Amino acid sequence: MTVSATNIDHIVISSNDSGTVAQTFADNLGIEIKRKMIRPGTSAQLAFAKLQEVVLEFAGPPRVNPDEEVKARLWGMVLAVPDIEAAVAHLRALGHTVSDPKPAVQPGAAIATIKDGTSGVPLALIQYNAISAEEH
């Protein structure tokens, strides 16, 4: 069985101050920050921009230490798949460690993290319309 990703859904940039990093991207590269939110459960600070079909997600901790130098890193990529359960099963059958799908921040979406077999590139899978409103 072949399971294929359809596209890059989003790229995550992690930092100790997501608001400042998102604003730096906006100011220097002309990227419009479309949405900001606090992640339920962790209180992580998130900001989002869209470059054509790819979303940039800026993620940071709930609180910022103003005395710390702002540092950011590319956390990883999230690939869209048509069937996350099949993709997870396929990767596990190949011997890779993959988290169970769980509800994503995006309503109705499920996400799973690939823990190995990516040559060190942090990678996750996402499927939209995977979870009914009652389950999310």
C-alpha atoms as a PDB file:
ATOM      1  CA  MET A   1       0.000   0.000   0.000  1.00  0.00           C
ATOM      2  CA  THR A   2       1.295   3.460  -0.858  1.00  0.00           C
ATOM      3  CA  VAL A   3       0.316   6.420   1.285  1.00  0.00           C
ATOM      4  CA  SER A   4       1.180   9.797  -0.200  1.00  0.00           C
ATOM      5  CA  ALA A   5       1.297  13.258   1.256  1.00  0.00           C
ATOM      6  CA  THR A   6      -0.587  15.749  -0.922  1.00  0.00           C
ATOM      7  CA  ASN A   7       1.166  19.013  -0.015  1.00  0.00           C
ATOM      8  CA  ILE A   8       3.074  20.969   2.600  1.00  0.00           C
ATOM      9  CA  ASP A   9       0.361  22.200   4.926  1.00  0.00           C
ATOM     10  CA  HIS A  10       2.419  24.343   7.251  1.00  0.00           C
ATOM     11  CA  ILE A  11       5.892  25.121   8.516  1.00  0.00           C
ATOM     12  CA  VAL A  12       6.415  25.743  12.221  1.00  0.00           C
ATOM     13  CA  ILE A  13       8.891  28.317  13.511  1.00  0.00           C
ATOM     14  CA  SER A  14       9.440  27.909  17.234  1.00  0.00           C
ATOM     15  CA  SER A  15      10.841  30.662  19.450  1.00  0.00           C
ATOM     16  CA  ASN A  16      10.929  32.059  22.940  1.00  0.00           C
ATOM     17  CA  ASP A  17       8.791  35.016  21.733  1.00  0.00           C
ATOM     18  CA  SER A  18       6.445  34.111  18.880  1.00  0.00           C
ATOM     19  CA  GLY A  19       4.866  37.568  18.711  1.00  0.00           C
ATOM     20  CA  THR A  20       8.178  39.329  18.151  1.00  0.00           C
ATOM     21  CA  VAL A  21       9.366  36.744  15.621  1.00  0.00           C
ATOM     22  CA  ALA A  22       6.072  36.900  13.684  1.00  0.00           C
ATOM     23  CA  GLN A  23       6.250  40.707  13.647  1.00  0.00           C
ATOM     24  CA  THR A  24       9.862  40.569  12.420  1.00  0.00           C
ATOM     25  CA  PHE A  25       8.794  38.360   9.506  1.00  0.00           C
ATOM     26  CA  ALA A  26       5.883  40.722   8.799  1.00  0.00           C
ATOM     27  CA  ASP A  27       8.062  43.851   8.901  1.00  0.00           C
ATOM     28  CA  ASN A  28      11.041  42.488   6.984  1.00  0.00           C
ATOM     29  CA  LEU A  29       9.334  40.262   4.423  1.00  0.00           C
ATOM     30  CA  GLY A  30       5.925  41.882   3.976  1.00  0.00           C
ATOM     31  CA  ILE A  31       4.100  38.854   5.362  1.00  0.00           C
ATOM     32  CA  GLU A  32       0.670  39.542   6.818  1.00  0.00           C
ATOM     33  CA  ILE A  33      -0.065  37.907  10.161  1.00  0.00           C
ATOM     34  CA  LYS A  34      -3.610  36.624   9.634  1.00  0.00           C
ATOM     35  CA  ARG A  35      -4.393  35.211  13.068  1.00  0.00           C
ATOM     36  CA  LYS A  36      -3.089  35.021  16.627  1.00  0.00           C
ATOM     37  CA  MET A  37      -4.307  32.642  19.295  1.00  0.00           C
ATOM     38  CA  ILE A  38      -3.501  30.917  22.540  1.00  0.00           C
ATOM     39  CA  ARG A  39      -3.391  27.123  22.187  1.00  0.00           C
ATOM     40  CA  PRO A  40      -5.974  25.492  24.453  1.00  0.00           C
ATOM     41  CA  GLY A  41      -4.403  23.228  27.046  1.00  0.00           C
ATOM     42  CA  THR A  42      -0.827  24.553  26.814  1.00  0.00           C
ATOM     43  CA  SER A  43      -1.429  28.322  26.555  1.00  0.00           C
ATOM     44  CA  ALA A  44       1.278  28.475  23.869  1.00  0.00           C
ATOM     45  CA  GLN A  45       1.237  31.735  21.932  1.00  0.00           C
ATOM     46  CA  LEU A  46       0.633  31.177  18.208  1.00  0.00           C
ATOM     47  CA  ALA A  47       0.592  33.478  15.193  1.00  0.00           C
ATOM     48  CA  PHE A  48      -0.183  32.469  11.604  1.00  0.00           C
ATOM     49  CA  ALA A  49       0.622  33.835   8.160  1.00  0.00           C
ATOM     50  CA  LYS A  50      -0.198  32.332   4.775  1.00  0.00           C
ATOM     51  CA  LEU A  51       2.096  32.223   1.764  1.00  0.00           C
ATOM     52  CA  GLN A  52      -0.125  31.025  -1.060  1.00  0.00           C
ATOM     53  CA  GLU A  53      -1.158  27.553   0.166  1.00  0.00           C
ATOM     54  CA  VAL A  54       1.491  27.130   2.880  1.00  0.00           C
ATOM     55  CA  VAL A  55       0.880  28.414   6.398  1.00  0.00           C
ATOM     56  CA  LEU A  56       3.710  29.735   8.551  1.00  0.00           C
ATOM     57  CA  GLU A  57       3.004  28.992  12.206  1.00  0.00           C
ATOM     58  CA  PHE A  58       4.977  30.976  14.773  1.00  0.00           C
ATOM     59  CA  ALA A  59       4.883  29.150  18.115  1.00  0.00           C
ATOM     60  CA  GLY A  60       6.122  30.279  21.480  1.00  0.00           C
ATOM     61  CA  PRO A  61       5.663  29.807  25.215  1.00  0.00           C
ATOM     62  CA  PRO A  62       2.774  31.246  27.220  1.00  0.00           C
ATOM     63  CA  ARG A  63       5.014  33.865  28.823  1.00  0.00           C
ATOM     64  CA  VAL A  64       7.907  35.818  27.375  1.00  0.00           C
ATOM     65  CA  ASN A  65      10.992  36.679  29.419  1.00  0.00           C
ATOM     66  CA  PRO A  66      11.828  40.278  28.403  1.00  0.00           C
ATOM     67  CA  ASP A  67      15.426  39.819  29.572  1.00  0.00           C
ATOM     68  CA  GLU A  68      16.086  36.943  27.140  1.00  0.00           C
ATOM     69  CA  GLU A  69      17.471  37.418  23.654  1.00  0.00           C
ATOM     70  CA  VAL A  70      14.795  36.449  21.111  1.00  0.00           C
ATOM     71  CA  LYS A  71      15.799  33.233  19.373  1.00  0.00           C
ATOM     72  CA  ALA A  72      13.889  31.216  16.797  1.00  0.00           C
ATOM     73  CA  ARG A  73      14.418  27.969  14.939  1.00  0.00           C
ATOM     74  CA  LEU A  74      12.716  25.997  12.252  1.00  0.00           C
ATOM     75  CA  TRP A  75      10.768  23.420  14.275  1.00  0.00           C
ATOM     76  CA  GLY A  76       9.534  21.395  11.331  1.00  0.00           C
ATOM     77  CA  MET A  77       7.051  20.739   8.581  1.00  0.00           C
ATOM     78  CA  VAL A  78       3.536  19.368   8.529  1.00  0.00           C
ATOM     79  CA  LEU A  79       2.415  17.404   5.471  1.00  0.00           C
ATOM     80  CA  ALA A  80      -1.239  16.952   4.533  1.00  0.00           C
ATOM     81  CA  VAL A  81      -2.467  13.394   3.954  1.00  0.00           C
ATOM     82  CA  PRO A  82      -5.870  12.171   2.758  1.00  0.00           C
ATOM     83  CA  ASP A  83      -6.111   9.404   5.405  1.00  0.00           C
ATOM     84  CA  ILE A  84      -4.075   9.906   8.577  1.00  0.00           C
ATOM     85  CA  GLU A  85      -4.952   6.507  10.060  1.00  0.00           C
ATOM     86  CA  ALA A  86      -3.696   4.745   6.910  1.00  0.00           C
ATOM     87  CA  ALA A  87      -0.557   6.916   6.804  1.00  0.00           C
ATOM     88  CA  VAL A  88       0.255   6.180  10.457  1.00  0.00           C
ATOM     89  CA  ALA A  89      -0.358   2.443   9.963  1.00  0.00           C
ATOM     90  CA  HIS A  90       1.832   2.430   6.832  1.00  0.00           C
ATOM     91  CA  LEU A  91       4.738   4.191   8.571  1.00  0.00           C
ATOM     92  CA  ARG A  92       4.462   1.927  11.608  1.00  0.00           C
ATOM     93  CA  ALA A  93       4.473  -1.125   9.330  1.00  0.00           C
ATOM     94  CA  LEU A  94       7.776   0.175   7.941  1.00  0.00           C
ATOM     95  CA  GLY A  95       9.122   0.211  11.512  1.00  0.00           C
ATOM     96  CA  HIS A  96       8.832   3.931  12.284  1.00  0.00           C
ATOM     97  CA  THR A  97       7.599   5.408  15.537  1.00  0.00           C
ATOM     98  CA  VAL A  98       4.579   7.659  14.938  1.00  0.00           C
ATOM     99  CA  SER A  99       2.283   9.194  17.533  1.00  0.00           C
ATOM    100  CA  ASP A 100      -1.400   8.343  17.548  1.00  0.00           C
ATOM    101  CA  PRO A 101      -3.474  10.936  15.666  1.00  0.00           C
ATOM    102  CA  LYS A 102      -4.961  13.564  17.969  1.00  0.00           C
ATOM    103  CA  PRO A 103      -7.103  16.656  17.463  1.00  0.00           C
ATOM    104  CA  ALA A 104      -5.148  19.518  15.891  1.00  0.00           C
ATOM    105  CA  VAL A 105      -5.632  23.237  16.531  1.00  0.00           C
ATOM    106  CA  GLN A 106      -7.469  23.425  13.198  1.00  0.00           C
ATOM    107  CA  PRO A 107     -11.142  22.487  13.729  1.00  0.00           C
ATOM    108  CA  GLY A 108     -11.891  18.955  12.544  1.00  0.00           C
ATOM    109  CA  ALA A 109      -8.264  18.132  11.790  1.00  0.00           C
ATOM    110  CA  ALA A 110      -6.141  15.327  13.232  1.00  0.00           C
ATOM    111  CA  ILE A 111      -2.353  15.463  13.545  1.00  0.00           C
ATOM    112  CA  ALA A 112       0.327  12.835  14.197  1.00  0.00           C
ATOM    113  CA  THR A 113       4.058  13.308  14.752  1.00  0.00           C
ATOM    114  CA  ILE A 114       6.650  11.142  13.035  1.00  0.00           C
ATOM    115  CA  LYS A 115       9.303  10.400  15.654  1.00  0.00           C
ATOM    116  CA  ASP A 116      12.021   8.823  13.476  1.00  0.00           C
ATOM    117  CA  GLY A 117      12.968   7.958   9.920  1.00  0.00           C
ATOM    118  CA  THR A 118      13.063  11.575   8.721  1.00  0.00           C
ATOM    119  CA  SER A 119      16.853  12.064   8.815  1.00  0.00           C
ATOM    120  CA  GLY A 120      16.422  14.525  11.677  1.00  0.00           C
ATOM    121  CA  VAL A 121      13.765  16.724  10.077  1.00  0.00           C
ATOM    122  CA  PRO A 122      10.876  17.261  12.534  1.00  0.00           C
ATOM    123  CA  LEU A 123       7.813  16.128  10.609  1.00  0.00           C
ATOM    124  CA  ALA A 124       4.114  15.697  11.291  1.00  0.00           C
ATOM    125  CA  LEU A 125       1.069  14.641   9.278  1.00  0.00           C
ATOM    126  CA  ILE A 126      -2.318  16.347   9.230  1.00  0.00           C
ATOM    127  CA  GLN A 127      -5.701  15.361   7.840  1.00  0.00           C
ATOM    128  CA  TYR A 128      -8.546  17.852   7.621  1.00  0.00           C
ATOM    129  CA  ASN A 129     -12.132  16.729   8.153  1.00  0.00           C
ATOM    130  CA  ALA A 130     -10.850  13.776  10.179  1.00  0.00           C
ATOM    131  CA  ILE A 131     -12.729  14.537  13.390  1.00  0.00           C
ATOM    132  CA  SER A 132     -16.391  15.402  13.753  1.00  0.00           C
ATOM    133  CA  ALA A 133     -17.332  18.522  15.723  1.00  0.00           C
ATOM    134  CA  GLU A 134     -18.605  16.336  18.569  1.00  0.00           C
ATOM    135  CA  GLU A 135     -15.222  14.566  18.900  1.00  0.00           C
ATOM    136  CA  HIS A 136     -13.129  17.766  18.773  1.00  0.00           C
END
